[in-house]
Amino acid sequence: MDEPTGEAPQSRRRVQRTINFDRSVLERARAAATYLASYEPQAGVRSLADIVNPAVLAYVTELEDLYNAGEPFRPVLRMPSGRPAKR
């Protein structure tokens, strides 16, 4: 489970994944994306992905700083499904 699986792809190509959000968070983000795309083009938000990608990147960077000496975590091919076992 903690094995490296090669180099992380450096492509900026987008991929589709399924993820679960808290309903209230998703509703707020969708409302923000819809409003900003329609009325505030200078915000640079045209879709939900324009909100989610920078937010996830910022949080992952923070986790790397806190738990991995500022280095990217080792890439993995597949994440285990379900919740992690209690230690």
N, C-alpha and C. Protein backbone atom coordinates (compact mmCIF):
# COMPACT_ATOMS: atom_id res chain seq x y z
N MET A 1 0.82 -1.19 0.00
CA MET A 1 0.00 0.00 0.00
C MET A 1 0.86 1.26 0.00
N ASP A 2 2.06 1.17 0.58
CA ASP A 2 2.92 2.34 0.66
C ASP A 2 4.06 2.25 -0.35
N GLU A 3 3.82 1.51 -1.43
CA GLU A 3 4.86 1.32 -2.43
C GLU A 3 4.82 2.41 -3.49
N PRO A 4 5.99 2.91 -3.90
CA PRO A 4 6.01 3.85 -5.00
C PRO A 4 5.63 3.12 -6.28
N THR A 5 4.99 3.83 -7.18
CA THR A 5 4.58 3.20 -8.43
C THR A 5 5.08 3.95 -9.65
N GLY A 6 6.18 4.65 -9.51
CA GLY A 6 6.74 5.34 -10.66
C GLY A 6 6.59 6.84 -10.55
N GLU A 7 6.97 7.50 -11.61
CA GLU A 7 6.93 8.95 -11.63
C GLU A 7 5.51 9.45 -11.83
N ALA A 8 5.20 10.56 -11.19
CA ALA A 8 3.89 11.18 -11.38
C ALA A 8 3.82 11.79 -12.76
N PRO A 9 2.71 11.64 -13.44
CA PRO A 9 2.58 12.26 -14.75
C PRO A 9 2.63 13.78 -14.63
N GLN A 10 3.30 14.43 -15.53
CA GLN A 10 3.44 15.87 -15.49
C GLN A 10 2.47 16.58 -16.43
N SER A 11 1.58 15.82 -17.01
CA SER A 11 0.63 16.37 -17.96
C SER A 11 -0.37 17.28 -17.27
N ARG A 12 -0.80 18.32 -17.95
CA ARG A 12 -1.83 19.20 -17.42
C ARG A 12 -3.20 18.78 -17.96
N ARG A 13 -3.23 17.63 -18.63
CA ARG A 13 -4.49 17.11 -19.13
C ARG A 13 -5.41 16.81 -17.96
N ARG A 14 -6.66 17.15 -18.10
CA ARG A 14 -7.61 16.91 -17.03
C ARG A 14 -8.16 15.49 -17.12
N VAL A 15 -8.45 14.93 -15.96
CA VAL A 15 -9.06 13.61 -15.89
C VAL A 15 -10.30 13.71 -15.01
N GLN A 16 -11.25 12.88 -15.30
CA GLN A 16 -12.49 12.87 -14.53
C GLN A 16 -12.40 11.82 -13.44
N ARG A 17 -12.78 12.19 -12.22
CA ARG A 17 -12.79 11.30 -11.08
C ARG A 17 -14.09 11.51 -10.31
N THR A 18 -14.50 10.49 -9.61
CA THR A 18 -15.67 10.60 -8.74
C THR A 18 -15.19 10.88 -7.33
N ILE A 19 -15.80 11.87 -6.72
CA ILE A 19 -15.43 12.26 -5.35
C ILE A 19 -16.70 12.68 -4.63
N ASN A 20 -16.75 12.43 -3.36
CA ASN A 20 -17.92 12.81 -2.56
C ASN A 20 -17.63 14.11 -1.82
N PHE A 21 -18.57 15.04 -1.91
CA PHE A 21 -18.47 16.32 -1.23
C PHE A 21 -19.56 16.40 -0.17
N ASP A 22 -19.33 17.18 0.86
CA ASP A 22 -20.43 17.55 1.73
C ASP A 22 -21.39 18.38 0.88
N ARG A 23 -22.67 18.12 1.00
CA ARG A 23 -23.66 18.78 0.15
C ARG A 23 -23.57 20.30 0.24
N SER A 24 -23.43 20.84 1.44
CA SER A 24 -23.41 22.29 1.60
C SER A 24 -22.19 22.91 0.92
N VAL A 25 -21.04 22.22 0.99
CA VAL A 25 -19.82 22.72 0.35
C VAL A 25 -20.01 22.73 -1.16
N LEU A 26 -20.53 21.64 -1.70
CA LEU A 26 -20.75 21.56 -3.14
C LEU A 26 -21.74 22.61 -3.62
N GLU A 27 -22.83 22.79 -2.89
CA GLU A 27 -23.82 23.80 -3.30
C GLU A 27 -23.22 25.20 -3.31
N ARG A 28 -22.41 25.53 -2.31
CA ARG A 28 -21.78 26.85 -2.28
C ARG A 28 -20.80 27.02 -3.43
N ALA A 29 -20.00 25.98 -3.69
CA ALA A 29 -19.02 26.06 -4.77
C ALA A 29 -19.70 26.18 -6.13
N ARG A 30 -20.76 25.41 -6.34
CA ARG A 30 -21.49 25.49 -7.61
C ARG A 30 -22.12 26.87 -7.80
N ALA A 31 -22.68 27.41 -6.72
CA ALA A 31 -23.28 28.75 -6.80
C ALA A 31 -22.22 29.79 -7.13
N ALA A 32 -21.08 29.68 -6.48
CA ALA A 32 -19.99 30.63 -6.75
C ALA A 32 -19.51 30.53 -8.19
N ALA A 33 -19.30 29.30 -8.67
CA ALA A 33 -18.82 29.11 -10.04
C ALA A 33 -19.82 29.65 -11.05
N THR A 34 -21.09 29.38 -10.83
CA THR A 34 -22.13 29.85 -11.76
C THR A 34 -22.20 31.37 -11.78
N TYR A 35 -22.19 31.97 -10.60
CA TYR A 35 -22.26 33.43 -10.52
C TYR A 35 -21.03 34.08 -11.15
N LEU A 36 -19.86 33.61 -10.75
CA LEU A 36 -18.63 34.23 -11.24
C LEU A 36 -18.48 34.07 -12.75
N ALA A 37 -18.83 32.92 -13.28
CA ALA A 37 -18.74 32.70 -14.73
C ALA A 37 -19.68 33.64 -15.48
N SER A 38 -20.83 33.93 -14.90
CA SER A 38 -21.82 34.76 -15.58
C SER A 38 -21.61 36.26 -15.40
N TYR A 39 -21.17 36.68 -14.20
CA TYR A 39 -21.17 38.10 -13.88
C TYR A 39 -19.81 38.71 -13.55
N GLU A 40 -18.81 37.90 -13.32
CA GLU A 40 -17.49 38.41 -12.93
C GLU A 40 -16.39 37.71 -13.71
N PRO A 41 -16.31 37.94 -15.02
CA PRO A 41 -15.31 37.23 -15.83
C PRO A 41 -13.87 37.49 -15.39
N GLN A 42 -13.61 38.62 -14.75
CA GLN A 42 -12.26 38.93 -14.31
C GLN A 42 -11.81 37.99 -13.19
N ALA A 43 -12.74 37.28 -12.57
CA ALA A 43 -12.38 36.33 -11.51
C ALA A 43 -11.67 35.11 -12.09
N GLY A 44 -11.83 34.86 -13.38
CA GLY A 44 -11.16 33.72 -14.00
C GLY A 44 -11.79 32.38 -13.65
N VAL A 45 -13.01 32.39 -13.16
CA VAL A 45 -13.71 31.16 -12.80
C VAL A 45 -14.79 30.92 -13.85
N ARG A 46 -14.59 29.84 -14.62
CA ARG A 46 -15.57 29.50 -15.65
C ARG A 46 -16.29 28.21 -15.34
N SER A 47 -15.79 27.48 -14.34
CA SER A 47 -16.40 26.20 -14.01
C SER A 47 -16.07 25.83 -12.57
N LEU A 48 -16.71 24.79 -12.09
CA LEU A 48 -16.43 24.28 -10.75
C LEU A 48 -14.97 23.85 -10.63
N ALA A 49 -14.43 23.30 -11.70
CA ALA A 49 -13.02 22.87 -11.68
C ALA A 49 -12.07 24.04 -11.43
N ASP A 50 -12.44 25.23 -11.87
CA ASP A 50 -11.59 26.40 -11.63
C ASP A 50 -11.56 26.81 -10.16
N ILE A 51 -12.48 26.31 -9.38
CA ILE A 51 -12.46 26.53 -7.93
C ILE A 51 -11.78 25.36 -7.23
N VAL A 52 -12.13 24.15 -7.64
CA VAL A 52 -11.66 22.95 -6.95
C VAL A 52 -10.17 22.72 -7.15
N ASN A 53 -9.67 22.82 -8.38
CA ASN A 53 -8.25 22.52 -8.64
C ASN A 53 -7.30 23.38 -7.82
N PRO A 54 -7.44 24.71 -7.80
CA PRO A 54 -6.51 25.51 -6.99
C PRO A 54 -6.65 25.24 -5.49
N ALA A 55 -7.87 24.96 -5.04
CA ALA A 55 -8.08 24.68 -3.61
C ALA A 55 -7.40 23.37 -3.20
N VAL A 56 -7.54 22.34 -4.02
CA VAL A 56 -6.91 21.06 -3.71
C VAL A 56 -5.39 21.20 -3.77
N LEU A 57 -4.89 21.90 -4.79
CA LEU A 57 -3.44 22.10 -4.90
C LEU A 57 -2.89 22.82 -3.67
N ALA A 58 -3.58 23.85 -3.21
CA ALA A 58 -3.11 24.59 -2.04
C ALA A 58 -3.07 23.70 -0.80
N TYR A 59 -4.09 22.86 -0.63
CA TYR A 59 -4.13 22.00 0.55
C TYR A 59 -3.09 20.89 0.46
N VAL A 60 -2.91 20.31 -0.70
CA VAL A 60 -1.88 19.26 -0.86
C VAL A 60 -0.50 19.85 -0.60
N THR A 61 -0.25 21.05 -1.08
CA THR A 61 1.03 21.71 -0.84
C THR A 61 1.25 21.91 0.66
N GLU A 62 0.20 22.32 1.36
CA GLU A 62 0.29 22.48 2.81
C GLU A 62 0.60 21.14 3.50
N LEU A 63 -0.04 20.07 3.06
CA LEU A 63 0.22 18.75 3.65
C LEU A 63 1.64 18.28 3.36
N GLU A 64 2.12 18.55 2.15
CA GLU A 64 3.51 18.20 1.82
C GLU A 64 4.49 18.95 2.72
N ASP A 65 4.21 20.22 2.95
CA ASP A 65 5.07 21.02 3.83
C ASP A 65 5.06 20.47 5.26
N LEU A 66 3.89 20.12 5.75
CA LEU A 66 3.76 19.66 7.13
C LEU A 66 4.28 18.24 7.36
N TYR A 67 4.06 17.35 6.40
CA TYR A 67 4.30 15.93 6.65
C TYR A 67 5.36 15.28 5.77
N ASN A 68 5.90 16.02 4.81
CA ASN A 68 6.86 15.39 3.91
C ASN A 68 8.00 16.34 3.53
N ALA A 69 8.36 17.20 4.44
CA ALA A 69 9.49 18.13 4.26
C ALA A 69 9.37 18.97 2.99
N GLY A 70 8.14 19.28 2.62
CA GLY A 70 7.91 20.13 1.45
C GLY A 70 8.05 19.41 0.13
N GLU A 71 8.29 18.12 0.16
CA GLU A 71 8.44 17.33 -1.07
C GLU A 71 7.12 16.67 -1.44
N PRO A 72 6.90 16.44 -2.73
CA PRO A 72 5.68 15.70 -3.11
C PRO A 72 5.71 14.30 -2.51
N PHE A 73 4.53 13.81 -2.13
CA PHE A 73 4.42 12.43 -1.67
C PHE A 73 4.69 11.49 -2.84
N ARG A 74 5.11 10.26 -2.52
CA ARG A 74 5.37 9.29 -3.58
C ARG A 74 4.09 9.04 -4.37
N PRO A 75 4.20 8.98 -5.69
CA PRO A 75 3.00 8.73 -6.49
C PRO A 75 2.49 7.30 -6.27
N VAL A 76 1.21 7.11 -6.43
CA VAL A 76 0.58 5.79 -6.31
C VAL A 76 -0.26 5.54 -7.55
N LEU A 77 -0.34 4.29 -7.94
CA LEU A 77 -1.13 3.93 -9.10
C LEU A 77 -2.62 3.91 -8.76
N ARG A 78 -2.93 3.33 -7.61
CA ARG A 78 -4.34 3.21 -7.23
C ARG A 78 -4.46 3.38 -5.72
N MET A 79 -5.43 4.18 -5.31
CA MET A 79 -5.69 4.34 -3.89
C MET A 79 -6.55 3.18 -3.41
N PRO A 80 -6.32 2.72 -2.18
CA PRO A 80 -7.20 1.68 -1.64
C PRO A 80 -8.62 2.23 -1.49
N SER A 81 -9.61 1.39 -1.73
CA SER A 81 -10.98 1.85 -1.59
C SER A 81 -11.41 1.78 -0.13
N GLY A 82 -12.42 2.53 0.20
CA GLY A 82 -12.95 2.53 1.56
C GLY A 82 -12.11 3.36 2.51
N ARG A 83 -12.49 3.31 3.76
CA ARG A 83 -11.77 4.06 4.80
C ARG A 83 -10.55 3.27 5.26
N PRO A 84 -9.48 3.96 5.64
CA PRO A 84 -8.30 3.25 6.13
C PRO A 84 -8.62 2.52 7.44
N ALA A 85 -7.94 1.41 7.65
CA ALA A 85 -8.12 0.64 8.89
C ALA A 85 -7.62 1.45 10.07
N LYS A 86 -8.24 1.27 11.20
CA LYS A 86 -7.79 1.95 12.42
C LYS A 86 -6.48 1.35 12.86
N ARG A 87 -5.58 2.19 13.33
CA ARG A 87 -4.25 1.72 13.76
C ARG A 87 -4.22 1.54 15.24
